[in-house]
N, C-alpha and C. Protein backbone atom coordinates (compact mmCIF):
# COMPACT_ATOMS: atom_id res chain seq x y z
N ARG A 1 -12.05 -5.00 8.64
CA ARG A 1 -13.09 -5.96 8.28
C ARG A 1 -13.36 -6.83 9.49
N GLY A 2 -14.56 -7.15 9.65
CA GLY A 2 -14.89 -8.00 10.78
C GLY A 2 -14.34 -9.40 10.64
N LEU A 3 -14.04 -10.03 11.78
CA LEU A 3 -13.43 -11.36 11.75
C LEU A 3 -14.49 -12.45 11.69
N GLY A 4 -15.72 -12.08 11.47
CA GLY A 4 -16.79 -13.06 11.43
C GLY A 4 -17.35 -13.23 10.04
N ASP A 5 -18.44 -12.58 9.79
CA ASP A 5 -19.27 -12.77 8.62
C ASP A 5 -18.64 -12.10 7.40
N VAL A 6 -17.60 -12.72 6.81
CA VAL A 6 -16.83 -12.02 5.81
C VAL A 6 -16.81 -12.64 4.41
N TYR A 7 -17.42 -13.76 4.19
CA TYR A 7 -17.35 -14.38 2.88
C TYR A 7 -18.71 -14.31 2.19
N LYS A 8 -18.73 -13.67 1.05
CA LYS A 8 -19.90 -13.63 0.18
C LYS A 8 -21.08 -12.87 0.77
N ARG A 9 -20.83 -11.99 1.68
CA ARG A 9 -21.88 -11.09 2.15
C ARG A 9 -21.19 -9.75 2.34
N GLN A 10 -21.64 -8.75 1.58
CA GLN A 10 -20.95 -7.47 1.70
C GLN A 10 -21.22 -6.84 3.06
N ASP A 11 -20.24 -6.10 3.54
CA ASP A 11 -20.35 -5.47 4.85
C ASP A 11 -20.97 -4.08 4.71
N ARG A 12 -20.93 -3.32 5.78
CA ARG A 12 -21.50 -1.97 5.77
C ARG A 12 -20.81 -1.06 4.75
N ASP A 13 -19.57 -1.39 4.39
CA ASP A 13 -18.81 -0.61 3.40
C ASP A 13 -18.97 -1.17 1.99
N PHE A 14 -19.87 -2.14 1.81
CA PHE A 14 -20.08 -2.83 0.54
C PHE A 14 -18.78 -3.46 0.04
N GLU A 15 -18.15 -4.19 0.93
CA GLU A 15 -16.97 -4.98 0.62
C GLU A 15 -17.14 -6.37 1.20
N LYS A 16 -16.46 -7.35 0.61
CA LYS A 16 -16.43 -8.69 1.17
C LYS A 16 -15.16 -9.38 0.73
N PHE A 17 -14.78 -10.41 1.47
CA PHE A 17 -13.57 -11.16 1.17
C PHE A 17 -13.89 -12.35 0.28
N SER A 18 -12.96 -12.68 -0.61
CA SER A 18 -13.06 -13.93 -1.37
C SER A 18 -12.70 -15.08 -0.44
N LEU A 19 -13.05 -16.29 -0.82
CA LEU A 19 -12.67 -17.45 -0.03
C LEU A 19 -11.15 -17.58 0.04
N SER A 20 -10.49 -17.29 -1.05
CA SER A 20 -9.03 -17.32 -1.08
C SER A 20 -8.45 -16.32 -0.09
N ALA A 21 -9.06 -15.14 0.00
CA ALA A 21 -8.60 -14.13 0.96
C ALA A 21 -8.77 -14.62 2.40
N LEU A 22 -9.90 -15.28 2.66
CA LEU A 22 -10.12 -15.82 4.01
C LEU A 22 -9.08 -16.86 4.37
N LYS A 23 -8.72 -17.70 3.41
CA LYS A 23 -7.71 -18.73 3.67
C LYS A 23 -6.36 -18.08 3.99
N THR A 24 -6.03 -17.01 3.30
CA THR A 24 -4.79 -16.29 3.58
C THR A 24 -4.86 -15.63 4.95
N LEU A 25 -5.99 -14.99 5.26
CA LEU A 25 -6.17 -14.35 6.56
C LEU A 25 -6.09 -15.36 7.69
N GLN A 26 -6.59 -16.57 7.43
CA GLN A 26 -6.52 -17.63 8.44
C GLN A 26 -5.07 -17.85 8.87
N GLU A 27 -4.17 -17.85 7.93
CA GLU A 27 -2.75 -18.03 8.24
C GLU A 27 -2.13 -16.77 8.85
N LEU A 28 -2.45 -15.62 8.27
CA LEU A 28 -1.80 -14.38 8.68
C LEU A 28 -2.21 -13.89 10.07
N PHE A 29 -3.39 -14.28 10.55
CA PHE A 29 -3.84 -13.76 11.84
C PHE A 29 -3.25 -14.49 13.04
N ILE A 30 -2.58 -15.60 12.83
CA ILE A 30 -1.92 -16.26 13.95
C ILE A 30 -0.87 -15.31 14.53
N GLY A 31 -0.97 -15.06 15.84
CA GLY A 31 -0.01 -14.19 16.51
C GLY A 31 -0.37 -12.72 16.50
N LYS A 32 -1.45 -12.34 15.82
CA LYS A 32 -1.81 -10.91 15.76
C LYS A 32 -2.46 -10.48 17.07
N THR A 33 -2.24 -9.22 17.40
CA THR A 33 -2.67 -8.67 18.67
C THR A 33 -4.06 -8.05 18.59
N GLY A 34 -4.74 -8.06 19.72
CA GLY A 34 -6.03 -7.40 19.86
C GLY A 34 -5.83 -6.05 20.53
N ILE A 35 -6.44 -5.02 19.95
CA ILE A 35 -6.31 -3.67 20.47
C ILE A 35 -7.70 -3.02 20.51
N PHE A 36 -7.75 -1.71 20.60
CA PHE A 36 -9.02 -0.99 20.66
C PHE A 36 -9.08 0.05 19.55
N ASP A 37 -10.19 0.05 18.81
CA ASP A 37 -10.47 1.07 17.79
C ASP A 37 -9.35 1.27 16.78
N HIS A 38 -8.64 0.22 16.45
CA HIS A 38 -7.55 0.25 15.46
C HIS A 38 -6.47 1.27 15.81
N ASP A 39 -6.31 1.58 17.09
CA ASP A 39 -5.27 2.49 17.56
C ASP A 39 -4.03 1.66 17.85
N ALA A 40 -2.99 1.84 17.05
CA ALA A 40 -1.82 0.96 17.06
C ALA A 40 -0.81 1.24 18.16
N LYS A 41 -1.21 1.83 19.26
CA LYS A 41 -0.29 2.05 20.37
C LYS A 41 -0.05 0.73 21.11
N SER A 42 1.20 0.47 21.45
CA SER A 42 1.51 -0.80 22.12
C SER A 42 0.84 -0.89 23.49
N SER A 43 0.54 0.22 24.09
CA SER A 43 -0.12 0.20 25.40
C SER A 43 -1.55 -0.34 25.32
N GLY A 44 -2.12 -0.36 24.13
CA GLY A 44 -3.49 -0.85 23.97
C GLY A 44 -3.59 -2.34 23.68
N GLN A 45 -2.45 -3.03 23.60
CA GLN A 45 -2.49 -4.46 23.32
C GLN A 45 -3.17 -5.18 24.47
N THR A 46 -4.13 -6.05 24.12
CA THR A 46 -4.90 -6.69 25.18
C THR A 46 -4.97 -8.21 25.07
N ALA A 47 -4.83 -8.74 23.86
CA ALA A 47 -4.93 -10.19 23.66
C ALA A 47 -4.18 -10.54 22.38
N ARG A 48 -3.98 -11.84 22.15
CA ARG A 48 -3.26 -12.29 20.96
C ARG A 48 -3.91 -13.56 20.42
N ILE A 49 -4.05 -13.63 19.11
CA ILE A 49 -4.66 -14.80 18.46
C ILE A 49 -3.63 -15.94 18.39
N PHE A 50 -4.07 -17.13 18.80
CA PHE A 50 -3.18 -18.30 18.74
C PHE A 50 -3.71 -19.40 17.82
N HIS A 51 -4.97 -19.29 17.39
CA HIS A 51 -5.55 -20.33 16.52
C HIS A 51 -6.63 -19.68 15.65
N THR A 52 -6.71 -20.11 14.39
CA THR A 52 -7.77 -19.65 13.49
C THR A 52 -8.32 -20.85 12.73
N GLU A 53 -9.55 -20.70 12.27
CA GLU A 53 -10.17 -21.74 11.44
C GLU A 53 -11.27 -21.12 10.59
N LEU A 54 -11.53 -21.76 9.46
CA LEU A 54 -12.67 -21.38 8.63
C LEU A 54 -13.81 -22.32 8.96
N ALA A 55 -14.97 -21.76 9.17
CA ALA A 55 -16.15 -22.57 9.50
C ALA A 55 -17.20 -22.34 8.42
N GLU A 56 -17.67 -23.43 7.83
CA GLU A 56 -18.70 -23.35 6.79
C GLU A 56 -20.00 -23.90 7.36
N ASP A 57 -21.09 -23.20 7.04
CA ASP A 57 -22.43 -23.62 7.46
C ASP A 57 -23.28 -23.78 6.22
N SER A 58 -23.45 -25.02 5.75
CA SER A 58 -24.20 -25.27 4.52
C SER A 58 -25.69 -25.01 4.69
N GLU A 59 -26.17 -24.93 5.93
CA GLU A 59 -27.58 -24.63 6.19
C GLU A 59 -27.86 -23.13 6.09
N ARG A 60 -26.84 -22.35 6.21
CA ARG A 60 -26.97 -20.88 6.17
C ARG A 60 -26.43 -20.37 4.84
N LYS A 61 -27.20 -19.55 4.17
CA LYS A 61 -26.79 -19.03 2.86
C LYS A 61 -26.44 -17.55 2.95
N THR A 62 -25.59 -17.13 2.05
CA THR A 62 -25.19 -15.74 1.99
C THR A 62 -26.15 -14.96 1.08
N SER A 63 -25.91 -13.67 0.95
CA SER A 63 -26.76 -12.84 0.10
C SER A 63 -26.66 -13.24 -1.37
N THR A 64 -25.59 -13.97 -1.75
CA THR A 64 -25.45 -14.44 -3.12
C THR A 64 -25.84 -15.91 -3.27
N GLY A 65 -26.42 -16.51 -2.21
CA GLY A 65 -26.92 -17.87 -2.28
C GLY A 65 -25.89 -18.96 -2.03
N GLU A 66 -24.69 -18.60 -1.65
CA GLU A 66 -23.65 -19.59 -1.40
C GLU A 66 -23.61 -19.96 0.07
N ASN A 67 -22.94 -21.08 0.36
CA ASN A 67 -22.80 -21.50 1.75
C ASN A 67 -22.05 -20.43 2.55
N TYR A 68 -22.52 -20.22 3.76
CA TYR A 68 -21.92 -19.25 4.66
C TYR A 68 -20.58 -19.78 5.16
N VAL A 69 -19.56 -18.94 5.12
CA VAL A 69 -18.24 -19.28 5.63
C VAL A 69 -17.78 -18.12 6.50
N CYS A 70 -17.22 -18.44 7.67
CA CYS A 70 -16.66 -17.36 8.49
C CYS A 70 -15.29 -17.77 9.00
N LEU A 71 -14.49 -16.76 9.27
CA LEU A 71 -13.17 -16.95 9.85
C LEU A 71 -13.30 -16.77 11.35
N LYS A 72 -12.85 -17.78 12.09
CA LYS A 72 -12.89 -17.71 13.55
C LYS A 72 -11.46 -17.68 14.08
N GLY A 73 -11.26 -16.90 15.11
CA GLY A 73 -9.96 -16.84 15.75
C GLY A 73 -10.11 -17.06 17.24
N CYS A 74 -9.14 -17.70 17.84
CA CYS A 74 -9.10 -17.86 19.30
C CYS A 74 -7.93 -17.03 19.81
N ALA A 75 -8.21 -16.22 20.82
CA ALA A 75 -7.18 -15.35 21.38
C ALA A 75 -7.04 -15.62 22.87
N TYR A 76 -5.88 -15.33 23.40
CA TYR A 76 -5.68 -15.46 24.84
C TYR A 76 -5.39 -14.09 25.43
N MET A 77 -5.69 -13.99 26.70
CA MET A 77 -5.46 -12.77 27.46
C MET A 77 -5.00 -13.18 28.86
N VAL A 78 -3.95 -12.57 29.34
CA VAL A 78 -3.48 -12.84 30.69
C VAL A 78 -4.34 -12.03 31.66
N ARG A 79 -4.86 -12.71 32.68
CA ARG A 79 -5.66 -11.99 33.69
C ARG A 79 -4.72 -11.21 34.60
N THR A 80 -4.89 -9.89 34.60
CA THR A 80 -4.10 -9.01 35.46
C THR A 80 -5.05 -8.01 36.12
N SER A 81 -4.55 -7.32 37.11
CA SER A 81 -5.39 -6.29 37.73
C SER A 81 -5.65 -5.16 36.74
N ALA A 82 -4.73 -4.92 35.82
CA ALA A 82 -4.91 -3.85 34.84
C ALA A 82 -6.04 -4.11 33.85
N ASN A 83 -6.33 -5.40 33.54
CA ASN A 83 -7.40 -5.68 32.57
C ASN A 83 -8.63 -6.32 33.23
N GLU A 84 -8.72 -6.23 34.52
CA GLU A 84 -9.85 -6.81 35.26
C GLU A 84 -11.19 -6.26 34.75
N ASN A 85 -11.29 -4.95 34.54
CA ASN A 85 -12.55 -4.36 34.06
C ASN A 85 -12.86 -4.78 32.63
N LEU A 86 -11.82 -4.89 31.79
CA LEU A 86 -12.04 -5.34 30.42
C LEU A 86 -12.62 -6.75 30.42
N ILE A 87 -12.07 -7.63 31.23
CA ILE A 87 -12.57 -9.01 31.29
C ILE A 87 -14.03 -9.01 31.75
N LYS A 88 -14.36 -8.19 32.72
CA LYS A 88 -15.75 -8.09 33.18
C LYS A 88 -16.66 -7.59 32.05
N GLU A 89 -16.17 -6.63 31.26
CA GLU A 89 -16.97 -6.11 30.14
C GLU A 89 -17.16 -7.18 29.06
N ILE A 90 -16.16 -8.00 28.82
CA ILE A 90 -16.28 -9.10 27.86
C ILE A 90 -17.27 -10.14 28.39
N GLU A 91 -17.09 -10.52 29.65
CA GLU A 91 -18.00 -11.50 30.26
C GLU A 91 -19.44 -11.00 30.25
N GLY A 92 -19.63 -9.71 30.47
CA GLY A 92 -20.97 -9.13 30.50
C GLY A 92 -21.54 -8.81 29.14
N GLY A 93 -20.75 -9.02 28.07
CA GLY A 93 -21.25 -8.76 26.72
C GLY A 93 -21.17 -7.30 26.30
N ILE A 94 -20.52 -6.47 27.09
CA ILE A 94 -20.37 -5.06 26.73
C ILE A 94 -19.31 -4.90 25.64
N LYS A 95 -18.14 -5.46 25.85
CA LYS A 95 -17.10 -5.48 24.83
C LYS A 95 -17.32 -6.75 24.03
N LYS A 96 -17.86 -6.59 22.84
CA LYS A 96 -18.24 -7.75 22.05
C LYS A 96 -17.85 -7.61 20.58
N GLU A 97 -18.12 -6.46 19.99
CA GLU A 97 -17.91 -6.27 18.56
C GLU A 97 -16.42 -6.12 18.24
N VAL A 98 -16.01 -6.74 17.12
CA VAL A 98 -14.62 -6.65 16.69
C VAL A 98 -14.54 -6.33 15.20
N SER A 99 -13.38 -5.87 14.81
CA SER A 99 -13.09 -5.54 13.43
C SER A 99 -11.63 -5.90 13.19
N ILE A 100 -11.26 -6.11 11.94
CA ILE A 100 -9.87 -6.41 11.62
C ILE A 100 -9.33 -5.34 10.67
N SER A 101 -8.01 -5.28 10.58
CA SER A 101 -7.41 -4.46 9.53
C SER A 101 -6.39 -5.32 8.80
N CYS A 102 -6.42 -5.17 7.48
CA CYS A 102 -5.53 -5.94 6.63
C CYS A 102 -5.33 -5.17 5.33
N SER A 103 -4.49 -5.70 4.48
CA SER A 103 -4.23 -5.09 3.18
C SER A 103 -4.54 -6.09 2.08
N ALA A 104 -5.30 -5.62 1.07
CA ALA A 104 -5.66 -6.47 -0.07
C ALA A 104 -5.14 -5.81 -1.35
N SER A 105 -4.34 -6.53 -2.13
CA SER A 105 -3.80 -5.96 -3.36
C SER A 105 -4.81 -5.99 -4.50
N VAL A 106 -5.86 -6.78 -4.35
CA VAL A 106 -6.92 -6.82 -5.36
C VAL A 106 -8.23 -6.41 -4.70
N GLN A 107 -8.88 -5.43 -5.30
CA GLN A 107 -10.19 -4.97 -4.87
C GLN A 107 -11.09 -4.98 -6.11
N LYS A 108 -11.68 -6.14 -6.35
CA LYS A 108 -12.39 -6.42 -7.59
C LYS A 108 -13.83 -5.91 -7.55
N CYS A 109 -14.23 -5.17 -8.60
CA CYS A 109 -15.59 -4.68 -8.72
C CYS A 109 -16.53 -5.85 -9.02
N SER A 110 -17.63 -5.94 -8.30
CA SER A 110 -18.58 -7.04 -8.50
C SER A 110 -19.36 -6.90 -9.80
N VAL A 111 -19.35 -5.72 -10.38
CA VAL A 111 -20.12 -5.50 -11.61
C VAL A 111 -19.27 -5.77 -12.86
N CYS A 112 -18.08 -5.15 -12.93
CA CYS A 112 -17.28 -5.27 -14.16
C CYS A 112 -16.00 -6.09 -14.00
N GLY A 113 -15.63 -6.40 -12.76
CA GLY A 113 -14.45 -7.22 -12.52
C GLY A 113 -13.14 -6.45 -12.47
N ALA A 114 -13.17 -5.14 -12.62
CA ALA A 114 -11.94 -4.35 -12.59
C ALA A 114 -11.32 -4.35 -11.20
N ASN A 115 -9.99 -4.36 -11.16
CA ASN A 115 -9.28 -4.21 -9.90
C ASN A 115 -9.24 -2.71 -9.60
N LYS A 116 -10.05 -2.28 -8.67
CA LYS A 116 -10.18 -0.86 -8.37
C LYS A 116 -8.90 -0.23 -7.82
N ARG A 117 -7.95 -1.04 -7.42
CA ARG A 117 -6.66 -0.50 -6.95
C ARG A 117 -5.77 -0.07 -8.11
N THR A 118 -5.99 -0.66 -9.29
CA THR A 118 -5.11 -0.38 -10.43
C THR A 118 -5.82 0.18 -11.65
N LYS A 119 -7.16 0.19 -11.64
CA LYS A 119 -7.90 0.62 -12.82
C LYS A 119 -9.13 1.42 -12.39
N ASN A 120 -9.39 2.52 -13.08
CA ASN A 120 -10.60 3.28 -12.80
C ASN A 120 -11.81 2.46 -13.19
N CYS A 121 -12.83 2.54 -12.36
CA CYS A 121 -14.06 1.78 -12.57
C CYS A 121 -15.23 2.73 -12.34
N PRO A 122 -16.24 2.74 -13.22
CA PRO A 122 -17.35 3.68 -13.07
C PRO A 122 -18.38 3.27 -12.03
N HIS A 123 -18.23 2.10 -11.42
CA HIS A 123 -19.25 1.59 -10.50
C HIS A 123 -18.97 2.02 -9.07
N THR A 124 -19.98 2.57 -8.43
CA THR A 124 -19.88 3.05 -7.06
C THR A 124 -20.43 2.02 -6.10
N LYS A 125 -19.64 1.70 -5.07
CA LYS A 125 -20.07 0.72 -4.07
C LYS A 125 -21.42 1.13 -3.48
N GLY A 126 -22.33 0.16 -3.42
CA GLY A 126 -23.64 0.40 -2.82
C GLY A 126 -24.72 0.82 -3.80
N LYS A 127 -24.32 1.24 -5.01
CA LYS A 127 -25.32 1.63 -6.02
C LYS A 127 -25.68 0.43 -6.88
N GLU A 128 -26.89 0.49 -7.46
CA GLU A 128 -27.37 -0.61 -8.29
C GLU A 128 -27.12 -0.33 -9.77
N TYR A 129 -26.74 -1.38 -10.48
CA TYR A 129 -26.51 -1.33 -11.92
C TYR A 129 -27.21 -2.52 -12.52
N ALA A 130 -28.25 -2.27 -13.31
CA ALA A 130 -29.05 -3.33 -13.94
C ALA A 130 -29.52 -4.33 -12.89
N GLY A 131 -29.97 -3.83 -11.74
CA GLY A 131 -30.51 -4.68 -10.69
C GLY A 131 -29.48 -5.37 -9.82
N LYS A 132 -28.21 -5.06 -10.02
CA LYS A 132 -27.12 -5.69 -9.28
C LYS A 132 -26.41 -4.63 -8.44
N THR A 133 -26.31 -4.87 -7.13
CA THR A 133 -25.64 -3.92 -6.25
C THR A 133 -24.13 -4.06 -6.41
N ALA A 134 -23.47 -2.93 -6.60
CA ALA A 134 -22.01 -2.93 -6.73
C ALA A 134 -21.37 -3.05 -5.35
N TYR A 135 -20.37 -3.90 -5.26
CA TYR A 135 -19.56 -4.03 -4.06
C TYR A 135 -18.16 -4.44 -4.48
N VAL A 136 -17.25 -4.45 -3.56
CA VAL A 136 -15.86 -4.79 -3.84
C VAL A 136 -15.53 -6.14 -3.20
N ILE A 137 -14.89 -7.00 -3.96
CA ILE A 137 -14.42 -8.29 -3.46
C ILE A 137 -12.93 -8.14 -3.16
N LEU A 138 -12.59 -8.28 -1.88
CA LEU A 138 -11.20 -8.15 -1.45
C LEU A 138 -10.48 -9.48 -1.64
N ASP A 139 -9.33 -9.43 -2.31
CA ASP A 139 -8.59 -10.66 -2.60
C ASP A 139 -7.09 -10.36 -2.58
N LYS A 140 -6.29 -11.41 -2.66
CA LYS A 140 -4.83 -11.30 -2.64
C LYS A 140 -4.39 -10.48 -1.42
N ILE A 141 -4.68 -11.02 -0.26
CA ILE A 141 -4.32 -10.37 1.00
C ILE A 141 -2.80 -10.40 1.15
N THR A 142 -2.23 -9.24 1.43
CA THR A 142 -0.78 -9.14 1.57
C THR A 142 -0.34 -9.04 3.02
N ASP A 143 -1.22 -8.60 3.91
CA ASP A 143 -0.85 -8.49 5.31
C ASP A 143 -2.11 -8.41 6.17
N ALA A 144 -2.00 -8.89 7.38
CA ALA A 144 -3.04 -8.73 8.40
C ALA A 144 -2.37 -7.98 9.54
N TYR A 145 -2.98 -6.88 10.00
CA TYR A 145 -2.32 -6.01 10.96
C TYR A 145 -2.73 -6.32 12.40
N GLU A 146 -4.03 -6.33 12.67
CA GLU A 146 -4.52 -6.49 14.02
C GLU A 146 -6.02 -6.73 13.99
N TRP A 147 -6.57 -7.04 15.17
CA TRP A 147 -8.02 -7.06 15.35
C TRP A 147 -8.32 -6.14 16.52
N SER A 148 -9.48 -5.51 16.45
CA SER A 148 -9.81 -4.49 17.44
C SER A 148 -11.21 -4.65 18.00
N PHE A 149 -11.34 -4.31 19.27
CA PHE A 149 -12.67 -4.08 19.82
C PHE A 149 -13.14 -2.73 19.29
N VAL A 150 -14.32 -2.69 18.72
CA VAL A 150 -14.88 -1.46 18.17
C VAL A 150 -16.35 -1.36 18.57
N ALA A 151 -16.92 -0.19 18.45
CA ALA A 151 -18.34 -0.01 18.76
C ALA A 151 -19.22 -0.49 17.60
N VAL A 152 -18.79 -0.20 16.36
CA VAL A 152 -19.58 -0.55 15.18
C VAL A 152 -18.66 -1.20 14.15
N PRO A 153 -18.67 -2.54 14.06
CA PRO A 153 -17.81 -3.21 13.09
C PRO A 153 -18.38 -3.13 11.68
N ALA A 154 -17.49 -3.19 10.68
CA ALA A 154 -17.94 -3.21 9.29
C ALA A 154 -18.81 -4.44 9.02
N GLN A 155 -18.40 -5.58 9.58
CA GLN A 155 -19.20 -6.80 9.49
C GLN A 155 -20.18 -6.78 10.65
N LYS A 156 -21.45 -6.68 10.36
CA LYS A 156 -22.47 -6.45 11.39
C LYS A 156 -22.44 -7.45 12.54
N ASN A 157 -22.12 -8.69 12.29
CA ASN A 157 -22.19 -9.71 13.33
C ASN A 157 -20.83 -10.19 13.83
N ALA A 158 -19.77 -9.47 13.49
CA ALA A 158 -18.44 -9.87 13.94
C ALA A 158 -18.30 -9.56 15.42
N GLY A 159 -17.92 -10.56 16.20
CA GLY A 159 -17.81 -10.33 17.63
C GLY A 159 -17.15 -11.47 18.35
N VAL A 160 -17.21 -11.41 19.66
CA VAL A 160 -16.55 -12.43 20.48
C VAL A 160 -17.58 -13.29 21.19
N THR A 161 -17.20 -14.52 21.39
CA THR A 161 -17.87 -15.40 22.33
C THR A 161 -16.83 -15.68 23.39
N ARG A 162 -17.25 -15.98 24.58
CA ARG A 162 -16.32 -16.04 25.68
C ARG A 162 -16.19 -17.44 26.27
N LYS A 163 -14.96 -17.80 26.57
CA LYS A 163 -14.67 -19.00 27.36
C LYS A 163 -13.52 -18.62 28.25
N PHE A 164 -13.72 -18.72 29.54
CA PHE A 164 -12.69 -18.33 30.49
C PHE A 164 -12.31 -19.53 31.34
N TYR A 165 -11.05 -19.65 31.63
CA TYR A 165 -10.54 -20.75 32.43
C TYR A 165 -10.06 -20.21 33.76
N SER A 166 -10.79 -20.52 34.81
CA SER A 166 -10.46 -19.97 36.13
C SER A 166 -9.29 -20.69 36.79
N GLU A 167 -8.94 -21.86 36.30
CA GLU A 167 -7.86 -22.60 36.95
C GLU A 167 -6.48 -22.02 36.63
N SER A 168 -6.41 -21.06 35.75
CA SER A 168 -5.13 -20.43 35.43
C SER A 168 -5.33 -18.93 35.37
N ASN A 169 -4.28 -18.23 35.03
CA ASN A 169 -4.41 -16.79 34.90
C ASN A 169 -4.62 -16.37 33.45
N LEU A 170 -5.02 -17.32 32.60
CA LEU A 170 -5.28 -17.01 31.20
C LEU A 170 -6.78 -17.01 30.92
N SER A 171 -7.18 -16.11 30.05
CA SER A 171 -8.57 -16.08 29.57
C SER A 171 -8.53 -16.36 28.07
N LEU A 172 -9.45 -17.14 27.60
CA LEU A 172 -9.52 -17.49 26.19
C LEU A 172 -10.72 -16.77 25.59
N ILE A 173 -10.50 -16.06 24.50
CA ILE A 173 -11.57 -15.34 23.83
C ILE A 173 -11.74 -15.96 22.45
N HIS A 174 -12.94 -16.36 22.10
CA HIS A 174 -13.23 -16.84 20.76
C HIS A 174 -13.77 -15.67 19.95
N ILE A 175 -13.09 -15.30 18.90
CA ILE A 175 -13.50 -14.19 18.06
C ILE A 175 -14.19 -14.79 16.85
N SER A 176 -15.46 -14.51 16.71
CA SER A 176 -16.19 -15.14 15.62
C SER A 176 -17.57 -14.53 15.47
N GLU A 177 -18.33 -15.10 14.55
CA GLU A 177 -19.73 -14.78 14.36
C GLU A 177 -20.48 -15.54 15.45
N PRO A 178 -21.19 -14.85 16.37
CA PRO A 178 -21.89 -15.56 17.44
C PRO A 178 -23.03 -16.43 16.92
């Protein structure tokens, strides 16, 4: 799931996080590593999240008419010769899109309320039922695994904004909805 536009707006997979899930993810993502394409090899570790926050924008509404809320994370990266090209790609806006992986014990159907992890539900994500599009609300987050640079994130606008500090060998990456 993207680390940006995740509350009350379904993603490309017709899923979205509850506010409670975002609050849990806010805590769980501290210390999580940044990798590429959800490939869990330790050699792909590139950055680590050190701070997260929920940001609400009452001027911006979601597809369900509620205030927009996004989860933002700040990550650090040590500047080395090995990641010099990656930093240039981030600065140039080439490496921008991100996605997260986590586990949710509740996957609630937006139409009937069934937990799709424990109960069969006749509603298919993305299809309409009586004028209402079916999607899954992810809740009761049990773990957050990592965040990844990807080409196409599930959350369309999930990505990084950049702030780099030249006075040290650390680079700070803000992971959020731009």
